[in-house]
Amino acid sequence: MTALVDPALSRWQPWAAMVEDFGGPEQMHGSGYWHLDGDPVPTRAGCAAFVTMTEATSTADVDGTRVPSTYFWIAAEDGDPDDDLVGFLHLRHTLNAWLFEQGGHIGYSVRPGARRRGHAVRALALGVHAAGRLGIDRVLVTCDLDNEASRRTIEAGGGQLEDEREGRLRFWIPTAG
């Protein structure tokens, strides 16, 4: 089972373990970490900064590049407070020019220690469903041309390849049906 949960300081310890398992922000593609001043620090204060960032940027266009969005953490089970956290999912409610070309509506990443267990496929399906509840008819999901695992995840989630642009594969997934 997999669930999407809201970022919360009460989950700082599983969040810190997840950040440490990633081994660095370059592996956290779907997390939204790049909006922080510096890399996420796997401490209570680092989690507080991350949670504050998700709250501050979810509706505000702070620097002219952001769109309204929802940040989720991926829980390993049903979302109970004591569940392990296994990844990040970022749902953008609209697309600006860069997101349309490269980023898409949904970004996700599963920590190395939890990969190959179906969490990414299930989290993507939950993200697509959440997009549908927002009134989005279809979502754009992208991956690097050489990221075969992400490509398989997107295809398993119903993604239909549209094209490749600047080394990124672009898939569309309907939110209903």
C-alpha atoms as a PDB file:
ATOM      1  CA  MET A   1       0.000   0.000   0.000  1.00  0.00           C
ATOM      2  CA  THR A   2       1.102   3.592  -0.597  1.00  0.00           C
ATOM      3  CA  ALA A   3      -0.423   6.907   0.453  1.00  0.00           C
ATOM      4  CA  LEU A   4       0.179  10.593  -0.180  1.00  0.00           C
ATOM      5  CA  VAL A   5       0.397  12.666   3.000  1.00  0.00           C
ATOM      6  CA  ASP A   6       0.757  16.364   3.614  1.00  0.00           C
ATOM      7  CA  PRO A   7       4.192  17.534   4.733  1.00  0.00           C
ATOM      8  CA  ALA A   8       4.143  17.968   8.514  1.00  0.00           C
ATOM      9  CA  LEU A   9       6.741  18.691  11.165  1.00  0.00           C
ATOM     10  CA  SER A  10       5.274  15.840  13.235  1.00  0.00           C
ATOM     11  CA  ARG A  11       6.835  13.479  10.663  1.00  0.00           C
ATOM     12  CA  TRP A  12      10.304  14.991  10.916  1.00  0.00           C
ATOM     13  CA  GLN A  13      12.078  11.776  11.924  1.00  0.00           C
ATOM     14  CA  PRO A  14      10.840   9.653   8.978  1.00  0.00           C
ATOM     15  CA  TRP A  15      11.438  12.698   6.724  1.00  0.00           C
ATOM     16  CA  ALA A  16      15.051  12.951   7.956  1.00  0.00           C
ATOM     17  CA  ALA A  17      15.602   9.222   7.359  1.00  0.00           C
ATOM     18  CA  MET A  18      14.199   9.616   3.857  1.00  0.00           C
ATOM     19  CA  VAL A  19      16.443  12.602   3.074  1.00  0.00           C
ATOM     20  CA  GLU A  20      19.490  10.699   4.336  1.00  0.00           C
ATOM     21  CA  ASP A  21      18.585   7.664   2.213  1.00  0.00           C
ATOM     22  CA  PHE A  22      18.481   9.857  -0.896  1.00  0.00           C
ATOM     23  CA  GLY A  23      22.124  10.722  -0.230  1.00  0.00           C
ATOM     24  CA  GLY A  24      21.881  14.214  -1.689  1.00  0.00           C
ATOM     25  CA  PRO A  25      19.427  16.594  -3.284  1.00  0.00           C
ATOM     26  CA  GLU A  26      20.454  15.723  -6.845  1.00  0.00           C
ATOM     27  CA  GLN A  27      18.606  12.418  -6.312  1.00  0.00           C
ATOM     28  CA  MET A  28      15.402  14.098  -5.054  1.00  0.00           C
ATOM     29  CA  HIS A  29      13.950  15.201  -8.410  1.00  0.00           C
ATOM     30  CA  GLY A  30      10.278  15.396  -7.420  1.00  0.00           C
ATOM     31  CA  SER A  31      10.778  16.889  -3.980  1.00  0.00           C
ATOM     32  CA  GLY A  32      10.782  20.605  -4.679  1.00  0.00           C
ATOM     33  CA  TYR A  33      13.975  20.919  -2.565  1.00  0.00           C
ATOM     34  CA  TRP A  34      15.393  23.497  -4.968  1.00  0.00           C
ATOM     35  CA  HIS A  35      13.121  26.164  -3.477  1.00  0.00           C
ATOM     36  CA  LEU A  36      14.994  26.041  -0.159  1.00  0.00           C
ATOM     37  CA  ASP A  37      17.927  28.234   0.714  1.00  0.00           C
ATOM     38  CA  GLY A  38      20.493  25.457   0.618  1.00  0.00           C
ATOM     39  CA  ASP A  39      20.030  21.713   0.569  1.00  0.00           C
ATOM     40  CA  PRO A  40      17.564  19.982   2.896  1.00  0.00           C
ATOM     41  CA  VAL A  41      19.211  19.159   6.188  1.00  0.00           C
ATOM     42  CA  PRO A  42      17.937  15.927   7.794  1.00  0.00           C
ATOM     43  CA  THR A  43      17.120  17.512  11.158  1.00  0.00           C
ATOM     44  CA  ARG A  44      13.965  18.756  12.876  1.00  0.00           C
ATOM     45  CA  ALA A  45      14.874  22.314  11.826  1.00  0.00           C
ATOM     46  CA  GLY A  46      15.523  21.155   8.252  1.00  0.00           C
ATOM     47  CA  CYS A  47      12.114  19.506   8.147  1.00  0.00           C
ATOM     48  CA  ALA A  48      10.494  22.664   9.554  1.00  0.00           C
ATOM     49  CA  ALA A  49      12.141  24.695   6.783  1.00  0.00           C
ATOM     50  CA  PHE A  50      10.905  22.235   4.152  1.00  0.00           C
ATOM     51  CA  VAL A  51       7.345  22.259   5.524  1.00  0.00           C
ATOM     52  CA  THR A  52       7.362  26.072   5.666  1.00  0.00           C
ATOM     53  CA  MET A  53       8.620  26.173   2.073  1.00  0.00           C
ATOM     54  CA  THR A  54       5.796  23.915   0.894  1.00  0.00           C
ATOM     55  CA  GLU A  55       3.228  26.122   2.618  1.00  0.00           C
ATOM     56  CA  ALA A  56       4.730  29.365   1.314  1.00  0.00           C
ATOM     57  CA  THR A  57       5.106  28.300  -2.305  1.00  0.00           C
ATOM     58  CA  SER A  58       1.959  26.241  -2.775  1.00  0.00           C
ATOM     59  CA  THR A  59      -0.130  29.258  -3.814  1.00  0.00           C
ATOM     60  CA  ALA A  60       2.385  32.076  -4.247  1.00  0.00           C
ATOM     61  CA  ASP A  61       4.460  32.932  -7.282  1.00  0.00           C
ATOM     62  CA  VAL A  62       7.382  34.076  -5.179  1.00  0.00           C
ATOM     63  CA  ASP A  63       9.898  34.625  -7.962  1.00  0.00           C
ATOM     64  CA  GLY A  64       7.878  34.620 -11.179  1.00  0.00           C
ATOM     65  CA  THR A  65       8.634  30.976 -11.982  1.00  0.00           C
ATOM     66  CA  ARG A  66       6.295  29.055  -9.694  1.00  0.00           C
ATOM     67  CA  VAL A  67       2.716  27.968 -10.182  1.00  0.00           C
ATOM     68  CA  PRO A  68       0.105  26.957  -7.604  1.00  0.00           C
ATOM     69  CA  SER A  69       0.959  23.458  -6.452  1.00  0.00           C
ATOM     70  CA  THR A  70       0.498  20.783  -3.824  1.00  0.00           C
ATOM     71  CA  TYR A  71       3.414  19.028  -2.156  1.00  0.00           C
ATOM     72  CA  PHE A  72       3.017  15.496  -0.827  1.00  0.00           C
ATOM     73  CA  TRP A  73       5.223  13.020   0.932  1.00  0.00           C
ATOM     74  CA  ILE A  74       4.800   9.407  -0.106  1.00  0.00           C
ATOM     75  CA  ALA A  75       4.073   7.112   2.851  1.00  0.00           C
ATOM     76  CA  ALA A  76       4.864   3.403   2.668  1.00  0.00           C
ATOM     77  CA  GLU A  77       1.552   2.229   4.086  1.00  0.00           C
ATOM     78  CA  ASP A  78      -1.845   3.903   4.525  1.00  0.00           C
ATOM     79  CA  GLY A  79      -0.648   7.311   5.730  1.00  0.00           C
ATOM     80  CA  ASP A  80      -0.763   6.720   9.480  1.00  0.00           C
ATOM     81  CA  PRO A  81       1.488   9.068  11.480  1.00  0.00           C
ATOM     82  CA  ASP A  82       4.012   6.293  12.183  1.00  0.00           C
ATOM     83  CA  ASP A  83       4.396   5.168   8.543  1.00  0.00           C
ATOM     84  CA  ASP A  84       7.805   5.322   6.912  1.00  0.00           C
ATOM     85  CA  LEU A  85       8.178   8.024   4.279  1.00  0.00           C
ATOM     86  CA  VAL A  86       9.480   6.732   0.981  1.00  0.00           C
ATOM     87  CA  GLY A  87       9.401   9.720  -1.345  1.00  0.00           C
ATOM     88  CA  PHE A  88       8.067  13.004  -2.642  1.00  0.00           C
ATOM     89  CA  LEU A  89       5.366  13.961  -5.105  1.00  0.00           C
ATOM     90  CA  HIS A  90       4.827  17.517  -6.345  1.00  0.00           C
ATOM     91  CA  LEU A  91       1.569  18.310  -8.160  1.00  0.00           C
ATOM     92  CA  ARG A  92       1.551  21.551 -10.156  1.00  0.00           C
ATOM     93  CA  HIS A  93      -1.987  22.846 -10.727  1.00  0.00           C
ATOM     94  CA  THR A  94      -1.117  24.708 -13.938  1.00  0.00           C
ATOM     95  CA  LEU A  95       1.729  24.736 -16.415  1.00  0.00           C
ATOM     96  CA  ASN A  96       3.926  27.684 -17.267  1.00  0.00           C
ATOM     97  CA  ALA A  97       6.103  27.608 -20.397  1.00  0.00           C
ATOM     98  CA  TRP A  98       8.986  25.712 -18.753  1.00  0.00           C
ATOM     99  CA  LEU A  99       6.697  23.167 -17.093  1.00  0.00           C
ATOM    100  CA  PHE A 100       4.922  22.578 -20.403  1.00  0.00           C
ATOM    101  CA  GLU A 101       8.232  21.860 -22.138  1.00  0.00           C
ATOM    102  CA  GLN A 102      10.204  20.102 -19.410  1.00  0.00           C
ATOM    103  CA  GLY A 103       8.665  19.718 -15.949  1.00  0.00           C
ATOM    104  CA  GLY A 104       5.043  18.654 -16.285  1.00  0.00           C
ATOM    105  CA  HIS A 105       2.232  18.617 -13.761  1.00  0.00           C
ATOM    106  CA  ILE A 106       3.702  15.910 -11.539  1.00  0.00           C
ATOM    107  CA  GLY A 107       7.219  15.323 -10.281  1.00  0.00           C
ATOM    108  CA  TYR A 108       8.027  12.411  -7.973  1.00  0.00           C
ATOM    109  CA  SER A 109      10.962  10.607  -6.470  1.00  0.00           C
ATOM    110  CA  VAL A 110      11.231   7.457  -4.346  1.00  0.00           C
ATOM    111  CA  ARG A 111      14.133   6.975  -1.948  1.00  0.00           C
ATOM    112  CA  PRO A 112      16.701   4.357  -3.006  1.00  0.00           C
ATOM    113  CA  GLY A 113      15.904   1.971  -0.130  1.00  0.00           C
ATOM    114  CA  ALA A 114      12.224   1.801  -1.142  1.00  0.00           C
ATOM    115  CA  ARG A 115      12.526   1.473  -4.908  1.00  0.00           C
ATOM    116  CA  ARG A 116      11.233  -1.479  -6.951  1.00  0.00           C
ATOM    117  CA  ARG A 117       8.318  -2.045  -4.577  1.00  0.00           C
ATOM    118  CA  GLY A 118       5.614  -0.296  -6.609  1.00  0.00           C
ATOM    119  CA  HIS A 119       5.531   2.928  -4.575  1.00  0.00           C
ATOM    120  CA  ALA A 120       6.232   5.170  -7.583  1.00  0.00           C
ATOM    121  CA  VAL A 121       3.460   3.640  -9.702  1.00  0.00           C
ATOM    122  CA  ARG A 122       0.947   3.846  -6.849  1.00  0.00           C
ATOM    123  CA  ALA A 123       1.997   7.386  -5.881  1.00  0.00           C
ATOM    124  CA  LEU A 124       1.739   8.552  -9.492  1.00  0.00           C
ATOM    125  CA  ALA A 125      -1.792   7.088  -9.702  1.00  0.00           C
ATOM    126  CA  LEU A 126      -2.729   8.935  -6.497  1.00  0.00           C
ATOM    127  CA  GLY A 127      -1.240  12.146  -7.892  1.00  0.00           C
ATOM    128  CA  VAL A 128      -3.196  11.771 -11.130  1.00  0.00           C
ATOM    129  CA  HIS A 129      -6.379  11.239  -9.104  1.00  0.00           C
ATOM    130  CA  ALA A 130      -5.613  14.363  -7.023  1.00  0.00           C
ATOM    131  CA  ALA A 131      -5.146  16.324 -10.263  1.00  0.00           C
ATOM    132  CA  GLY A 132      -8.544  15.146 -11.450  1.00  0.00           C
ATOM    133  CA  ARG A 133     -10.130  16.421  -8.224  1.00  0.00           C
ATOM    134  CA  LEU A 134      -8.639  19.831  -9.073  1.00  0.00           C
ATOM    135  CA  GLY A 135     -10.406  19.784 -12.447  1.00  0.00           C
ATOM    136  CA  ILE A 136      -7.348  18.929 -14.518  1.00  0.00           C
ATOM    137  CA  ASP A 137      -8.446  16.665 -17.407  1.00  0.00           C
ATOM    138  CA  ARG A 138      -5.019  15.255 -18.193  1.00  0.00           C
ATOM    139  CA  VAL A 139      -1.584  15.622 -16.662  1.00  0.00           C
ATOM    140  CA  LEU A 140       1.784  16.009 -18.296  1.00  0.00           C
ATOM    141  CA  VAL A 141       4.516  13.863 -16.735  1.00  0.00           C
ATOM    142  CA  THR A 142       8.094  13.964 -17.976  1.00  0.00           C
ATOM    143  CA  CYS A 143      11.302  12.038 -17.439  1.00  0.00           C
ATOM    144  CA  ASP A 144      14.848  12.152 -18.681  1.00  0.00           C
ATOM    145  CA  LEU A 145      15.393  10.249 -21.924  1.00  0.00           C
ATOM    146  CA  ASP A 146      17.748   7.803 -20.176  1.00  0.00           C
ATOM    147  CA  ASN A 147      15.604   7.236 -17.045  1.00  0.00           C
ATOM    148  CA  GLU A 148      14.139   3.853 -17.939  1.00  0.00           C
ATOM    149  CA  ALA A 149      12.667   3.255 -14.452  1.00  0.00           C
ATOM    150  CA  SER A 150      10.691   6.489 -14.566  1.00  0.00           C
ATOM    151  CA  ARG A 151       9.588   5.810 -18.112  1.00  0.00           C
ATOM    152  CA  ARG A 152       8.221   2.406 -17.049  1.00  0.00           C
ATOM    153  CA  THR A 153       6.483   4.030 -14.062  1.00  0.00           C
ATOM    154  CA  ILE A 154       4.789   6.625 -16.265  1.00  0.00           C
ATOM    155  CA  GLU A 155       3.745   4.028 -18.839  1.00  0.00           C
ATOM    156  CA  ALA A 156       2.373   1.753 -16.084  1.00  0.00           C
ATOM    157  CA  GLY A 157       0.363   4.761 -14.906  1.00  0.00           C
ATOM    158  CA  GLY A 158      -1.290   5.129 -18.318  1.00  0.00           C
ATOM    159  CA  GLY A 159       1.134   7.654 -19.794  1.00  0.00           C
ATOM    160  CA  GLN A 160       1.002   8.070 -23.558  1.00  0.00           C
ATOM    161  CA  LEU A 161       4.226   9.351 -25.082  1.00  0.00           C
ATOM    162  CA  GLU A 162       3.733  12.586 -27.001  1.00  0.00           C
ATOM    163  CA  ASP A 163       7.316  13.470 -27.884  1.00  0.00           C
ATOM    164  CA  GLU A 164      10.857  14.170 -26.704  1.00  0.00           C
ATOM    165  CA  ARG A 165      12.094  17.711 -26.136  1.00  0.00           C
ATOM    166  CA  GLU A 166      15.640  18.575 -25.151  1.00  0.00           C
ATOM    167  CA  GLY A 167      16.339  15.138 -23.663  1.00  0.00           C
ATOM    168  CA  ARG A 168      12.994  14.856 -21.844  1.00  0.00           C
ATOM    169  CA  LEU A 169      10.218  12.437 -22.726  1.00  0.00           C
ATOM    170  CA  ARG A 170       6.729  13.974 -22.410  1.00  0.00           C
ATOM    171  CA  PHE A 171       3.750  11.778 -21.512  1.00  0.00           C
ATOM    172  CA  TRP A 172       0.074  12.641 -21.036  1.00  0.00           C
ATOM    173  CA  ILE A 173      -2.146  10.751 -18.593  1.00  0.00           C
ATOM    174  CA  PRO A 174      -5.923  11.255 -18.487  1.00  0.00           C
ATOM    175  CA  THR A 175      -7.218  11.896 -14.979  1.00  0.00           C
ATOM    176  CA  ALA A 176     -10.471   9.967 -15.502  1.00  0.00           C
ATOM    177  CA  GLY A 177     -11.349   6.727 -17.197  1.00  0.00           C
END
